[in-house]
């Protein structure tokens, strides 16, 4: 185990996306992976960050940053 966060993400990506879909072409794979990425980062709350959506957390962090 090198990095628990990366290994956890890789497991989720494999289980929820790669094992769940057949990719018929590179364009089809790009479309399905982008849909999964958007769901993962913009829709689904993550317990590791207080049940917040990562995109909303980053937006609030940027707003609070003195280097805007």
PDB file of N, CA and C in Angstrom:
ATOM      1  N   UNK A   1       0.854  -1.173   0.000  1.00  0.00           N
ATOM      2  CA  UNK A   1       0.000   0.000   0.000  1.00  0.00           C
ATOM      3  C   UNK A   1       0.898   1.233   0.000  1.00  0.00           C
ATOM      4  N   UNK A   2       0.754   2.049  -1.025  1.00  0.00           N
ATOM      5  CA  UNK A   2       1.572   3.239  -1.152  1.00  0.00           C
ATOM      6  C   UNK A   2       0.872   4.468  -0.573  1.00  0.00           C
ATOM      7  N   UNK A   3      -0.344   4.707  -1.003  1.00  0.00           N
ATOM      8  CA  UNK A   3      -1.084   5.885  -0.574  1.00  0.00           C
ATOM      9  C   UNK A   3      -2.545   5.477  -0.432  1.00  0.00           C
ATOM     10  N   UNK A   4      -3.035   5.498   0.799  1.00  0.00           N
ATOM     11  CA  UNK A   4      -4.390   5.034   1.075  1.00  0.00           C
ATOM     12  C   UNK A   4      -5.461   5.789   0.315  1.00  0.00           C
ATOM     13  N   UNK A   5      -5.283   7.107   0.141  1.00  0.00           N
ATOM     14  CA  UNK A   5      -6.277   7.900  -0.575  1.00  0.00           C
ATOM     15  C   UNK A   5      -6.346   7.495  -2.051  1.00  0.00           C
ATOM     16  N   UNK A   6      -5.173   7.336  -2.669  1.00  0.00           N
ATOM     17  CA  UNK A   6      -5.133   6.968  -4.082  1.00  0.00           C
ATOM     18  C   UNK A   6      -5.679   5.561  -4.276  1.00  0.00           C
ATOM     19  N   UNK A   7      -5.297   4.642  -3.400  1.00  0.00           N
ATOM     20  CA  UNK A   7      -5.786   3.276  -3.536  1.00  0.00           C
ATOM     21  C   UNK A   7      -7.286   3.190  -3.317  1.00  0.00           C
ATOM     22  N   UNK A   8      -7.815   3.989  -2.399  1.00  0.00           N
ATOM     23  CA  UNK A   8      -9.261   4.034  -2.184  1.00  0.00           C
ATOM     24  C   UNK A   8      -9.972   4.562  -3.427  1.00  0.00           C
ATOM     25  N   UNK A   9      -9.449   5.647  -4.006  1.00  0.00           N
ATOM     26  CA  UNK A   9     -10.034   6.202  -5.226  1.00  0.00           C
ATOM     27  C   UNK A   9      -9.972   5.195  -6.365  1.00  0.00           C
ATOM     28  N   UNK A  10      -8.816   4.556  -6.552  1.00  0.00           N
ATOM     29  CA  UNK A  10      -8.678   3.581  -7.634  1.00  0.00           C
ATOM     30  C   UNK A  10      -9.681   2.445  -7.485  1.00  0.00           C
ATOM     31  N   UNK A  11      -9.914   1.999  -6.259  1.00  0.00           N
ATOM     32  CA  UNK A  11     -10.893   0.946  -6.016  1.00  0.00           C
ATOM     33  C   UNK A  11     -12.293   1.388  -6.372  1.00  0.00           C
ATOM     34  N   UNK A  12     -12.641   2.611  -6.003  1.00  0.00           N
ATOM     35  CA  UNK A  12     -13.973   3.137  -6.344  1.00  0.00           C
ATOM     36  C   UNK A  12     -14.134   3.281  -7.854  1.00  0.00           C
ATOM     37  N   UNK A  13     -13.119   3.832  -8.511  1.00  0.00           N
ATOM     38  CA  UNK A  13     -13.169   3.998  -9.963  1.00  0.00           C
ATOM     39  C   UNK A  13     -13.366   2.637 -10.634  1.00  0.00           C
ATOM     40  N   UNK A  14     -12.620   1.653 -10.215  1.00  0.00           N
ATOM     41  CA  UNK A  14     -12.736   0.327 -10.827  1.00  0.00           C
ATOM     42  C   UNK A  14     -14.110  -0.273 -10.569  1.00  0.00           C
ATOM     43  N   UNK A  15     -14.568  -0.246  -9.324  1.00  0.00           N
ATOM     44  CA  UNK A  15     -15.843  -0.873  -8.974  1.00  0.00           C
ATOM     45  C   UNK A  15     -17.028  -0.148  -9.587  1.00  0.00           C
ATOM     46  N   UNK A  16     -17.058   1.169  -9.458  1.00  0.00           N
ATOM     47  CA  UNK A  16     -18.237   1.935  -9.850  1.00  0.00           C
ATOM     48  C   UNK A  16     -18.278   2.307 -11.321  1.00  0.00           C
ATOM     49  N   UNK A  17     -17.148   2.305 -11.991  1.00  0.00           N
ATOM     50  CA  UNK A  17     -17.140   2.753 -13.386  1.00  0.00           C
ATOM     51  C   UNK A  17     -16.578   1.687 -14.322  1.00  0.00           C
ATOM     52  N   UNK A  18     -15.342   1.310 -14.122  1.00  0.00           N
ATOM     53  CA  UNK A  18     -14.699   0.415 -15.086  1.00  0.00           C
ATOM     54  C   UNK A  18     -15.354  -0.958 -15.137  1.00  0.00           C
ATOM     55  N   UNK A  19     -15.722  -1.530 -13.986  1.00  0.00           N
ATOM     56  CA  UNK A  19     -16.361  -2.841 -13.976  1.00  0.00           C
ATOM     57  C   UNK A  19     -17.839  -2.768 -14.330  1.00  0.00           C
ATOM     58  N   UNK A  20     -18.425  -1.584 -14.308  1.00  0.00           N
ATOM     59  CA  UNK A  20     -19.859  -1.430 -14.535  1.00  0.00           C
ATOM     60  C   UNK A  20     -20.212  -1.130 -15.997  1.00  0.00           C
ATOM     61  N   UNK A  21     -19.232  -0.806 -16.823  1.00  0.00           N
ATOM     62  CA  UNK A  21     -19.526  -0.386 -18.189  1.00  0.00           C
ATOM     63  C   UNK A  21     -18.704  -1.171 -19.204  1.00  0.00           C
ATOM     64  N   UNK A  22     -19.302  -1.344 -20.370  1.00  0.00           N
ATOM     65  CA  UNK A  22     -18.582  -1.807 -21.547  1.00  0.00           C
ATOM     66  C   UNK A  22     -18.255  -0.562 -22.350  1.00  0.00           C
ATOM     67  N   UNK A  23     -17.033  -0.426 -22.760  1.00  0.00           N
ATOM     68  CA  UNK A  23     -16.623   0.719 -23.563  1.00  0.00           C
ATOM     69  C   UNK A  23     -16.534   0.266 -25.018  1.00  0.00           C
ATOM     70  N   UNK A  24     -17.364   0.871 -25.870  1.00  0.00           N
ATOM     71  CA  UNK A  24     -17.456   0.456 -27.261  1.00  0.00           C
ATOM     72  C   UNK A  24     -16.455   1.158 -28.156  1.00  0.00           C
ATOM     73  N   UNK A  25     -15.965   2.302 -27.686  1.00  0.00           N
ATOM     74  CA  UNK A  25     -14.970   3.067 -28.451  1.00  0.00           C
ATOM     75  C   UNK A  25     -14.272   4.014 -27.480  1.00  0.00           C
ATOM     76  N   UNK A  26     -13.250   4.670 -27.961  1.00  0.00           N
ATOM     77  CA  UNK A  26     -12.558   5.649 -27.124  1.00  0.00           C
ATOM     78  C   UNK A  26     -13.493   6.804 -26.777  1.00  0.00           C
ATOM     79  N   UNK A  27     -14.305   7.230 -27.727  1.00  0.00           N
ATOM     80  CA  UNK A  27     -15.266   8.311 -27.467  1.00  0.00           C
ATOM     81  C   UNK A  27     -16.296   7.888 -26.419  1.00  0.00           C
ATOM     82  N   UNK A  28     -16.761   6.660 -26.496  1.00  0.00           N
ATOM     83  CA  UNK A  28     -17.719   6.135 -25.518  1.00  0.00           C
ATOM     84  C   UNK A  28     -17.077   6.080 -24.133  1.00  0.00           C
ATOM     85  N   UNK A  29     -15.835   5.628 -24.049  1.00  0.00           N
ATOM     86  CA  UNK A  29     -15.130   5.578 -22.771  1.00  0.00           C
ATOM     87  C   UNK A  29     -14.952   6.973 -22.195  1.00  0.00           C
ATOM     88  N   UNK A  30     -14.584   7.923 -23.040  1.00  0.00           N
ATOM     89  CA  UNK A  30     -14.410   9.311 -22.593  1.00  0.00           C
ATOM     90  C   UNK A  30     -15.704   9.862 -22.027  1.00  0.00           C
ATOM     91  N   UNK A  31     -16.806   9.614 -22.708  1.00  0.00           N
ATOM     92  CA  UNK A  31     -18.114  10.098 -22.262  1.00  0.00           C
ATOM     93  C   UNK A  31     -18.521   9.484 -20.921  1.00  0.00           C
ATOM     94  N   UNK A  32     -18.366   8.184 -20.788  1.00  0.00           N
ATOM     95  CA  UNK A  32     -18.761   7.505 -19.551  1.00  0.00           C
ATOM     96  C   UNK A  32     -17.856   7.881 -18.378  1.00  0.00           C
ATOM     97  N   UNK A  33     -16.572   7.990 -18.625  1.00  0.00           N
ATOM     98  CA  UNK A  33     -15.652   8.386 -17.557  1.00  0.00           C
ATOM     99  C   UNK A  33     -15.898   9.824 -17.110  1.00  0.00           C
ATOM    100  N   UNK A  34     -16.197  10.716 -18.038  1.00  0.00           N
ATOM    101  CA  UNK A  34     -16.490  12.102 -17.689  1.00  0.00           C
ATOM    102  C   UNK A  34     -17.772  12.191 -16.866  1.00  0.00           C
ATOM    103  N   UNK A  35     -18.780  11.412 -17.216  1.00  0.00           N
ATOM    104  CA  UNK A  35     -20.026  11.405 -16.441  1.00  0.00           C
ATOM    105  C   UNK A  35     -19.758  10.907 -15.020  1.00  0.00           C
ATOM    106  N   UNK A  36     -18.939   9.868 -14.890  1.00  0.00           N
ATOM    107  CA  UNK A  36     -18.613   9.351 -13.556  1.00  0.00           C
ATOM    108  C   UNK A  36     -17.803  10.378 -12.764  1.00  0.00           C
ATOM    109  N   UNK A  37     -16.841  11.041 -13.414  1.00  0.00           N
ATOM    110  CA  UNK A  37     -16.016  12.050 -12.746  1.00  0.00           C
ATOM    111  C   UNK A  37     -16.875  13.203 -12.230  1.00  0.00           C
ATOM    112  N   UNK A  38     -17.806  13.662 -13.059  1.00  0.00           N
ATOM    113  CA  UNK A  38     -18.687  14.756 -12.627  1.00  0.00           C
ATOM    114  C   UNK A  38     -19.533  14.344 -11.434  1.00  0.00           C
ATOM    115  N   UNK A  39     -20.088  13.135 -11.490  1.00  0.00           N
ATOM    116  CA  UNK A  39     -20.879  12.641 -10.360  1.00  0.00           C
ATOM    117  C   UNK A  39     -20.018  12.568  -9.105  1.00  0.00           C
ATOM    118  N   UNK A  40     -18.827  12.020  -9.228  1.00  0.00           N
ATOM    119  CA  UNK A  40     -17.923  11.829  -8.088  1.00  0.00           C
ATOM    120  C   UNK A  40     -17.498  13.157  -7.458  1.00  0.00           C
ATOM    121  N   UNK A  41     -17.226  14.164  -8.288  1.00  0.00           N
ATOM    122  CA  UNK A  41     -16.711  15.438  -7.784  1.00  0.00           C
ATOM    123  C   UNK A  41     -17.760  16.514  -7.540  1.00  0.00           C
ATOM    124  N   UNK A  42     -18.895  16.438  -8.231  1.00  0.00           N
ATOM    125  CA  UNK A  42     -19.849  17.539  -8.178  1.00  0.00           C
ATOM    126  C   UNK A  42     -21.207  17.186  -7.580  1.00  0.00           C
ATOM    127  N   UNK A  43     -21.505  15.906  -7.426  1.00  0.00           N
ATOM    128  CA  UNK A  43     -22.836  15.511  -6.964  1.00  0.00           C
ATOM    129  C   UNK A  43     -22.813  14.722  -5.658  1.00  0.00           C
ATOM    130  N   UNK A  44     -21.847  13.841  -5.516  1.00  0.00           N
ATOM    131  CA  UNK A  44     -21.852  12.892  -4.419  1.00  0.00           C
ATOM    132  C   UNK A  44     -21.085  13.411  -3.205  1.00  0.00           C
ATOM    133  N   UNK A  45     -21.742  13.446  -2.030  1.00  0.00           N
ATOM    134  CA  UNK A  45     -21.025  13.839  -0.815  1.00  0.00           C
ATOM    135  C   UNK A  45     -20.019  12.758  -0.395  1.00  0.00           C
ATOM    136  N   UNK A  46     -18.923  13.201   0.204  1.00  0.00           N
ATOM    137  CA  UNK A  46     -17.875  12.280   0.654  1.00  0.00           C
ATOM    138  C   UNK A  46     -17.756  12.370   2.178  1.00  0.00           C
ATOM    139  N   UNK A  47     -17.798  11.232   2.830  1.00  0.00           N
ATOM    140  CA  UNK A  47     -17.744  11.215   4.295  1.00  0.00           C
ATOM    141  C   UNK A  47     -16.396  11.714   4.821  1.00  0.00           C
ATOM    142  N   UNK A  48     -15.331  11.547   4.064  1.00  0.00           N
ATOM    143  CA  UNK A  48     -14.002  11.962   4.517  1.00  0.00           C
ATOM    144  C   UNK A  48     -13.867  13.478   4.636  1.00  0.00           C
ATOM    145  N   UNK A  49     -14.749  14.216   3.981  1.00  0.00           N
ATOM    146  CA  UNK A  49     -14.687  15.682   4.045  1.00  0.00           C
ATOM    147  C   UNK A  49     -15.978  16.248   4.631  1.00  0.00           C
ATOM    148  N   UNK A  50     -16.528  15.533   5.588  1.00  0.00           N
ATOM    149  CA  UNK A  50     -17.697  16.023   6.316  1.00  0.00           C
ATOM    150  C   UNK A  50     -18.986  15.970   5.511  1.00  0.00           C
ATOM    151  N   UNK A  51     -19.128  14.941   4.683  1.00  0.00           N
ATOM    152  CA  UNK A  51     -20.312  14.766   3.834  1.00  0.00           C
ATOM    153  C   UNK A  51     -20.593  15.985   2.958  1.00  0.00           C
ATOM    154  N   UNK A  52     -19.520  16.559   2.440  1.00  0.00           N
ATOM    155  CA  UNK A  52     -19.623  17.662   1.490  1.00  0.00           C
ATOM    156  C   UNK A  52     -19.243  17.160   0.104  1.00  0.00           C
ATOM    157  N   UNK A  53     -19.667  17.908  -0.873  1.00  0.00           N
ATOM    158  CA  UNK A  53     -19.294  17.609  -2.256  1.00  0.00           C
ATOM    159  C   UNK A  53     -17.929  18.247  -2.506  1.00  0.00           C
ATOM    160  N   UNK A  54     -16.968  17.526  -3.086  1.00  0.00           N
ATOM    161  CA  UNK A  54     -15.633  18.097  -3.289  1.00  0.00           C
ATOM    162  C   UNK A  54     -15.621  19.428  -4.032  1.00  0.00           C
ATOM    163  N   UNK A  55     -16.440  19.588  -5.042  1.00  0.00           N
ATOM    164  CA  UNK A  55     -16.454  20.852  -5.807  1.00  0.00           C
ATOM    165  C   UNK A  55     -16.887  22.019  -4.921  1.00  0.00           C
ATOM    166  N   UNK A  56     -17.891  21.806  -4.079  1.00  0.00           N
ATOM    167  CA  UNK A  56     -18.354  22.868  -3.185  1.00  0.00           C
ATOM    168  C   UNK A  56     -17.298  23.184  -2.129  1.00  0.00           C
ATOM    169  N   UNK A  57     -16.609  22.169  -1.659  1.00  0.00           N
ATOM    170  CA  UNK A  57     -15.549  22.373  -0.674  1.00  0.00           C
ATOM    171  C   UNK A  57     -14.416  23.209  -1.273  1.00  0.00           C
ATOM    172  N   UNK A  58     -14.038  22.912  -2.507  1.00  0.00           N
ATOM    173  CA  UNK A  58     -12.975  23.673  -3.164  1.00  0.00           C
ATOM    174  C   UNK A  58     -13.409  25.114  -3.424  1.00  0.00           C
ATOM    175  N   UNK A  59     -14.669  25.305  -3.789  1.00  0.00           N
ATOM    176  CA  UNK A  59     -15.175  26.650  -4.035  1.00  0.00           C
ATOM    177  C   UNK A  59     -15.116  27.479  -2.751  1.00  0.00           C
ATOM    178  N   UNK A  60     -15.510  26.894  -1.621  1.00  0.00           N
ATOM    179  CA  UNK A  60     -15.474  27.631  -0.346  1.00  0.00           C
ATOM    180  C   UNK A  60     -14.034  27.872   0.093  1.00  0.00           C
ATOM    181  N   UNK A  61     -13.135  26.948  -0.207  1.00  0.00           N
ATOM    182  CA  UNK A  61     -11.722  27.132   0.150  1.00  0.00           C
ATOM    183  C   UNK A  61     -11.114  28.277  -0.667  1.00  0.00           C
ATOM    184  N   UNK A  62     -11.476  28.364  -1.953  1.00  0.00           N
ATOM    185  CA  UNK A  62     -10.969  29.458  -2.794  1.00  0.00           C
ATOM    186  C   UNK A  62     -11.502  30.797  -2.316  1.00  0.00           C
ATOM    187  N   UNK A  63     -12.757  30.828  -1.889  1.00  0.00           N
ATOM    188  CA  UNK A  63     -13.359  32.072  -1.422  1.00  0.00           C
ATOM    189  C   UNK A  63     -12.689  32.558  -0.138  1.00  0.00           C
ATOM    190  N   UNK A  64     -12.238  31.632   0.701  1.00  0.00           N
ATOM    191  CA  UNK A  64     -11.604  31.990   1.964  1.00  0.00           C
ATOM    192  C   UNK A  64     -10.103  32.270   1.824  1.00  0.00           C
ATOM    193  N   UNK A  65      -9.542  31.958   0.669  1.00  0.00           N
ATOM    194  CA  UNK A  65      -8.108  32.113   0.462  1.00  0.00           C
ATOM    195  C   UNK A  65      -7.726  33.585   0.279  1.00  0.00           C
ATOM    196  N   UNK A  66      -6.638  34.023   0.918  1.00  0.00           N
ATOM    197  CA  UNK A  66      -6.194  35.406   0.727  1.00  0.00           C
ATOM    198  C   UNK A  66      -5.533  35.630  -0.639  1.00  0.00           C
ATOM    199  N   UNK A  67      -5.221  34.560  -1.383  1.00  0.00           N
ATOM    200  CA  UNK A  67      -4.559  34.671  -2.695  1.00  0.00           C
ATOM    201  C   UNK A  67      -5.544  34.461  -3.823  1.00  0.00           C
ATOM    202  N   UNK A  68      -6.675  35.075  -3.778  1.00  0.00           N
ATOM    203  CA  UNK A  68      -7.683  34.905  -4.847  1.00  0.00           C
ATOM    204  C   UNK A  68      -7.243  35.558  -6.092  1.00  0.00           C
TER     205      UNK A  68
END
